[in-house]
Amino acid sequence: MIPSPNHQANLAPAEPPGEQFAERSRMRYLSAGASGPPMLLLHGWSSFKEIWWSTLLALAPHARAFAPDLPGHGDTPLLGSVQMHQIAGRAAALCQELELPPVVLVGHSMGGNIAIELALRYPALVERLVLVDPAAQPNAMPSFTRSYLDPLGGWAALRASMALARPLNLVAQYVPHTHGGGLVRPALRRVAYMARHDADALRALLDGLFANPIGGRMAQLSLPTLVISGEFDPLVPPALSRQVAAAIPGARYTVVRGAAHNPMDERPNEFARVLLEFLLGSSRA
């Protein structure tokens, strides 16, 4: 049984997450925890595996958790994996390479779209599903989320945004992974990481995301599911996340108060408690 997530001591394991590279699936990943149910955490577009750092610390006493850099991010090569089903295949290969039993799959934003693909295509690999501000219905998201895909100025806007973000590395390098949450420091850290990615890869992946409106297939899911929304998410507004929860049979829905699009980064302790409560309830059941 997973101990109560309300106990503050449960939020800090003895060792920080370790970093490794999976040769066959060609994915760089963080791992934490030595025992318990396996968990796979998938980040969103332009994000990075370290965004799950505080979550990994919270999970480590209760689970074996793995957070990879998705293709085209960090040190995980793209290798042509620009469609969501292709990335889902790479993530499934990572699970098989690590010889994991069915996992608790957590997907954020674009990672939520990929997580749904993985659960539908490889159901034997997934025991439970957690979707965090999932981009499952990308074409229903606010129009500004498609600005980088504009055929006229989108490409230039993306490159300009990344160029402007690079100087932030000088400051962001001093923001620790365990920054405690909030909005300013986490946002500074996220923008700095985005500037390290390849613009061509990000543009191709964004194309792949908007080409995969997976909402119509969510009713095929038949596993325990939790949908988590940031209260003030401007990219995937809570109304869209509620629609995702309503479309998945038996899914639960909850909100992390005070968070925007990245509750694991902006409200790390609150997010960890929500996640552990879902695991605790499922283990009791």
Protein backbone atom coordinates (compact mmCIF):
# COMPACT_ATOMS: atom_id res chain seq x y z
CA MET A 1 0.00 0.00 0.00
CA ILE A 2 1.21 3.52 -0.79
CA PRO A 3 1.57 5.62 2.39
CA SER A 4 -0.56 8.72 2.79
CA PRO A 5 0.57 11.56 0.50
CA ASN A 6 -0.38 14.10 3.16
CA HIS A 7 2.71 13.25 5.18
CA GLN A 8 5.29 15.96 4.32
CA ALA A 9 8.23 13.63 4.93
CA ASN A 10 7.07 11.52 2.00
CA LEU A 11 7.97 14.31 -0.41
CA ALA A 12 11.78 13.96 -0.11
CA PRO A 13 13.74 10.78 -0.86
CA ALA A 14 17.38 10.32 0.10
CA GLU A 15 18.84 10.65 -3.40
CA PRO A 16 18.10 12.91 -6.39
CA PRO A 17 16.97 11.39 -9.69
CA GLY A 18 19.67 9.71 -11.74
CA GLU A 19 20.20 10.21 -15.48
CA GLN A 20 20.73 7.39 -17.99
CA PHE A 21 20.52 6.69 -21.73
CA ALA A 22 18.56 3.78 -23.21
CA GLU A 23 20.58 2.49 -26.15
CA ARG A 24 17.88 0.61 -28.06
CA SER A 25 15.13 3.23 -27.85
CA ARG A 26 17.71 6.07 -27.97
CA MET A 27 16.11 8.03 -25.15
CA ARG A 28 17.76 9.95 -22.32
CA TYR A 29 15.80 9.67 -19.08
CA LEU A 30 15.74 10.41 -15.36
CA SER A 31 14.81 7.72 -12.87
CA ALA A 32 13.98 7.71 -9.18
CA GLY A 33 12.82 5.11 -6.67
CA ALA A 34 13.88 1.51 -6.18
CA SER A 35 10.60 -0.29 -5.58
CA GLY A 36 6.87 0.02 -6.10
CA PRO A 37 4.72 0.38 -9.21
CA PRO A 38 6.54 1.63 -12.33
CA MET A 39 5.59 5.06 -13.67
CA LEU A 40 6.45 6.77 -16.95
CA LEU A 41 6.18 10.58 -17.12
CA LEU A 42 5.98 12.28 -20.54
CA HIS A 43 6.57 16.03 -20.80
CA GLY A 44 5.03 18.46 -23.28
CA TRP A 45 6.16 20.30 -26.39
CA SER A 46 9.41 22.28 -25.97
CA SER A 47 9.70 21.02 -22.38
CA PHE A 48 12.30 18.76 -20.76
CA LYS A 49 12.61 15.75 -18.47
CA GLU A 50 13.76 17.91 -15.53
CA ILE A 51 10.34 19.54 -15.36
CA TRP A 52 9.32 16.38 -13.44
CA TRP A 53 12.15 16.75 -10.91
CA SER A 54 9.99 17.59 -7.88
CA THR A 55 7.44 14.95 -8.93
CA LEU A 56 10.20 12.33 -9.13
CA LEU A 57 11.36 13.28 -5.63
CA ALA A 58 7.82 12.87 -4.31
CA LEU A 59 7.25 9.55 -6.10
CA ALA A 60 10.57 7.93 -5.22
CA PRO A 61 9.53 6.56 -1.79
CA HIS A 62 6.48 4.90 -3.35
CA ALA A 63 7.25 4.00 -6.97
CA ARG A 64 9.87 3.48 -9.65
CA ALA A 65 9.48 6.55 -11.82
CA PHE A 66 11.04 7.31 -15.21
CA ALA A 67 10.97 10.65 -17.04
CA PRO A 68 12.48 10.69 -20.55
CA ASP A 69 13.37 13.56 -22.82
CA LEU A 70 10.98 13.02 -25.73
CA PRO A 71 12.40 12.83 -29.27
CA GLY A 72 13.74 16.17 -30.43
CA HIS A 73 14.21 17.37 -26.85
CA GLY A 74 17.37 17.39 -24.74
CA ASP A 75 19.71 14.54 -25.63
CA THR A 76 17.05 12.30 -27.18
CA PRO A 77 17.51 12.39 -30.97
CA LEU A 78 14.48 13.00 -33.16
CA LEU A 79 15.25 10.14 -35.59
CA GLY A 80 12.21 11.10 -37.67
CA SER A 81 9.75 10.63 -34.79
CA VAL A 82 7.56 13.66 -35.50
CA GLN A 83 4.09 12.06 -35.39
CA MET A 84 2.49 11.37 -32.03
CA HIS A 85 2.08 7.65 -32.75
CA GLN A 86 5.79 7.43 -33.59
CA ILE A 87 6.76 8.99 -30.26
CA ALA A 88 4.31 6.67 -28.51
CA GLY A 89 6.16 3.79 -30.16
CA ARG A 90 9.50 5.09 -28.87
CA ALA A 91 8.07 5.40 -25.35
CA ALA A 92 6.66 1.87 -25.56
CA ALA A 93 10.09 0.65 -26.68
CA LEU A 94 11.63 2.32 -23.64
CA CYS A 95 9.21 0.46 -21.35
CA GLN A 96 10.10 -2.82 -23.04
CA GLU A 97 13.82 -2.07 -22.93
CA LEU A 98 13.63 -1.38 -19.19
CA GLU A 99 11.54 -4.57 -18.80
CA LEU A 100 8.81 -2.70 -16.95
CA PRO A 101 5.51 -4.33 -16.04
CA PRO A 102 2.39 -2.33 -16.96
CA VAL A 103 3.07 1.27 -15.99
CA VAL A 104 1.18 4.17 -14.53
CA LEU A 105 1.47 6.53 -17.52
CA VAL A 106 1.52 10.29 -16.91
CA GLY A 107 1.37 12.66 -19.88
CA HIS A 108 1.45 16.46 -19.85
CA SER A 109 0.17 18.66 -22.71
CA MET A 110 1.62 17.13 -25.91
CA GLY A 111 2.75 14.28 -23.68
CA GLY A 112 -0.92 13.72 -22.84
CA ASN A 113 -1.71 13.26 -26.52
CA ILE A 114 1.17 10.80 -26.78
CA ALA A 115 0.06 9.01 -23.61
CA ILE A 116 -3.41 8.42 -25.04
CA GLU A 117 -1.84 7.06 -28.23
CA LEU A 118 0.38 4.74 -26.22
CA ALA A 119 -2.52 3.49 -24.08
CA LEU A 120 -4.63 2.81 -27.17
CA ARG A 121 -1.90 1.17 -29.26
CA TYR A 122 -0.12 -0.74 -26.48
CA PRO A 123 -2.81 -1.43 -23.85
CA ALA A 124 -0.82 -4.28 -22.28
CA LEU A 125 1.88 -1.76 -21.28
CA VAL A 126 -0.38 0.64 -19.38
CA GLU A 127 -2.19 -0.03 -16.11
CA ARG A 128 -3.40 3.47 -15.23
CA LEU A 129 -3.40 6.83 -17.00
CA VAL A 130 -2.90 10.39 -15.75
CA LEU A 131 -3.42 13.27 -18.20
CA VAL A 132 -2.17 16.70 -17.14
CA ASP A 133 -3.57 19.62 -19.17
CA PRO A 134 -3.68 17.22 -22.13
CA ALA A 135 -3.50 18.52 -25.70
CA ALA A 136 -5.95 15.84 -26.79
CA GLN A 137 -8.06 18.26 -28.83
CA PRO A 138 -5.38 20.59 -30.22
CA ASN A 139 -7.65 22.24 -32.78
CA ALA A 140 -9.99 23.31 -29.97
CA MET A 141 -7.17 25.07 -28.11
CA PRO A 142 -6.94 28.89 -28.28
CA SER A 143 -5.89 30.15 -31.71
CA PHE A 144 -2.62 31.67 -30.45
CA THR A 145 -1.32 28.15 -29.73
CA ARG A 146 -1.07 27.69 -33.49
CA SER A 147 0.85 30.93 -34.11
CA TYR A 148 4.16 29.14 -34.73
CA LEU A 149 2.48 27.16 -37.52
CA ASP A 150 1.41 30.25 -39.45
CA PRO A 151 2.75 29.80 -43.02
CA LEU A 152 3.85 33.43 -43.24
CA GLY A 153 5.35 34.51 -39.92
CA GLY A 154 5.20 31.43 -37.72
CA TRP A 155 8.61 30.04 -38.57
CA ALA A 156 10.29 33.43 -38.04
CA ALA A 157 8.38 33.93 -34.78
CA LEU A 158 9.56 30.59 -33.41
CA ARG A 159 13.19 31.28 -34.28
CA ALA A 160 12.96 34.80 -32.85
CA SER A 161 11.42 33.50 -29.61
CA MET A 162 14.22 30.97 -29.20
CA ALA A 163 16.89 33.58 -29.96
CA LEU A 164 15.44 35.96 -27.37
CA ALA A 165 15.33 33.16 -24.81
CA ARG A 166 19.01 32.21 -25.11
CA PRO A 167 20.32 35.11 -22.97
CA LEU A 168 18.03 33.90 -20.18
CA ASN A 169 20.34 30.93 -19.73
CA LEU A 170 22.72 33.26 -17.91
CA VAL A 171 20.10 33.75 -15.20
CA ALA A 172 18.11 30.53 -15.46
CA GLN A 173 21.15 28.38 -14.70
CA TYR A 174 20.84 29.58 -11.11
CA VAL A 175 17.23 28.43 -10.77
CA PRO A 176 17.38 25.04 -9.00
CA HIS A 177 15.22 22.12 -10.02
CA THR A 178 13.70 22.19 -6.52
CA HIS A 179 12.71 25.86 -6.80
CA GLY A 180 9.53 25.45 -4.75
CA GLY A 181 7.06 26.53 -7.41
CA GLY A 182 5.45 29.84 -8.26
CA LEU A 183 5.28 31.40 -11.71
CA VAL A 184 8.38 33.51 -12.38
CA ARG A 185 11.28 31.17 -11.62
CA PRO A 186 9.68 28.08 -13.19
CA ALA A 187 8.80 30.09 -16.32
CA LEU A 188 12.34 31.44 -16.56
CA ARG A 189 13.73 27.92 -16.30
CA ARG A 190 11.31 26.57 -18.94
CA VAL A 191 12.07 29.32 -21.45
CA ALA A 192 15.80 28.76 -21.03
CA TYR A 193 15.41 25.02 -21.70
CA MET A 194 13.30 25.74 -24.79
CA ALA A 195 16.14 27.85 -26.18
CA ARG A 196 18.43 24.80 -26.12
CA HIS A 197 16.20 22.75 -28.43
CA ASP A 198 16.39 22.57 -32.22
CA ALA A 199 13.89 24.87 -33.94
CA ASP A 200 13.40 22.51 -36.90
CA ALA A 201 12.51 19.65 -34.57
CA LEU A 202 10.11 21.77 -32.51
CA ARG A 203 8.29 22.99 -35.61
CA ALA A 204 7.93 19.43 -36.95
CA LEU A 205 6.66 18.17 -33.61
CA LEU A 206 4.11 20.98 -33.35
CA ASP A 207 2.88 20.05 -36.82
CA GLY A 208 2.60 16.45 -35.63
CA LEU A 209 0.61 17.43 -32.57
CA PHE A 210 -1.99 19.48 -34.45
CA ALA A 211 -2.28 16.69 -37.01
CA ASN A 212 -3.42 14.31 -34.27
CA PRO A 213 -6.77 15.36 -32.76
CA ILE A 214 -7.20 12.25 -30.71
CA GLY A 215 -10.37 13.30 -28.88
CA GLY A 216 -12.69 11.08 -30.90
CA ARG A 217 -10.82 7.94 -29.85
CA MET A 218 -10.75 8.58 -26.10
CA ALA A 219 -13.97 6.63 -25.51
CA GLN A 220 -11.99 3.48 -26.40
CA LEU A 221 -9.89 3.79 -23.25
CA SER A 222 -10.86 1.32 -20.54
CA LEU A 223 -8.43 1.88 -17.67
CA PRO A 224 -8.47 3.99 -14.50
CA THR A 225 -7.80 7.57 -15.59
CA LEU A 226 -7.23 10.86 -13.81
CA VAL A 227 -7.32 14.20 -15.66
CA ILE A 228 -5.54 17.09 -13.92
CA SER A 229 -5.94 20.72 -14.91
CA GLY A 230 -4.14 23.87 -13.87
CA GLU A 231 -6.70 26.35 -12.59
CA PHE A 232 -5.49 29.19 -14.83
CA ASP A 233 -4.17 27.22 -17.82
CA PRO A 234 -4.28 29.53 -20.89
CA LEU A 235 -3.15 26.86 -23.39
CA VAL A 236 -5.46 23.98 -22.48
CA PRO A 237 -8.23 25.76 -20.55
CA PRO A 238 -9.89 23.73 -17.78
CA ALA A 239 -13.07 23.42 -19.88
CA LEU A 240 -11.13 21.38 -22.45
CA SER A 241 -9.63 19.13 -19.79
CA ARG A 242 -13.10 18.56 -18.34
CA GLN A 243 -14.25 17.48 -21.80
CA VAL A 244 -11.38 14.97 -21.92
CA ALA A 245 -12.41 13.54 -18.54
CA ALA A 246 -16.03 13.32 -19.69
CA ALA A 247 -15.03 11.46 -22.87
CA ILE A 248 -13.04 8.74 -21.08
CA PRO A 249 -15.27 6.17 -19.37
CA GLY A 250 -14.97 6.44 -15.57
CA ALA A 251 -12.28 9.13 -15.63
CA ARG A 252 -11.83 11.45 -12.65
CA TYR A 253 -11.13 15.16 -12.96
CA THR A 254 -9.36 17.50 -10.54
CA VAL A 255 -7.87 21.00 -10.54
CA VAL A 256 -4.58 22.18 -9.06
CA ARG A 257 -5.40 25.60 -7.64
CA GLY A 258 -3.11 28.49 -8.50
CA ALA A 259 -1.39 26.62 -11.34
CA ALA A 260 -1.29 27.54 -15.02
CA HIS A 261 -0.20 25.09 -17.75
CA ASN A 262 2.55 23.37 -15.76
CA PRO A 263 1.15 22.38 -12.35
CA MET A 264 4.02 19.95 -11.66
CA ASP A 265 6.39 22.94 -11.95
CA GLU A 266 4.27 25.79 -10.62
CA ARG A 267 2.65 23.97 -7.68
CA PRO A 268 4.92 20.93 -7.23
CA ASN A 269 3.79 19.88 -3.75
CA GLU A 270 0.10 20.24 -4.54
CA PHE A 271 0.54 18.35 -7.81
CA ALA A 272 2.44 15.53 -6.08
CA ARG A 273 -0.32 15.16 -3.49
CA VAL A 274 -3.00 14.90 -6.19
CA LEU A 275 -0.95 12.28 -8.04
CA LEU A 276 -0.22 10.25 -4.91
CA GLU A 277 -3.85 10.40 -3.80
CA PHE A 278 -4.83 8.86 -7.14
CA LEU A 279 -2.26 6.10 -6.65
CA LEU A 280 -3.30 5.57 -3.04
CA GLY A 281 -6.96 5.29 -3.94
CA SER A 282 -6.22 2.90 -6.78
CA SER A 283 -4.04 0.69 -4.56
CA ARG A 284 -6.76 0.48 -1.92
CA ALA A 285 -9.31 -0.41 -4.54
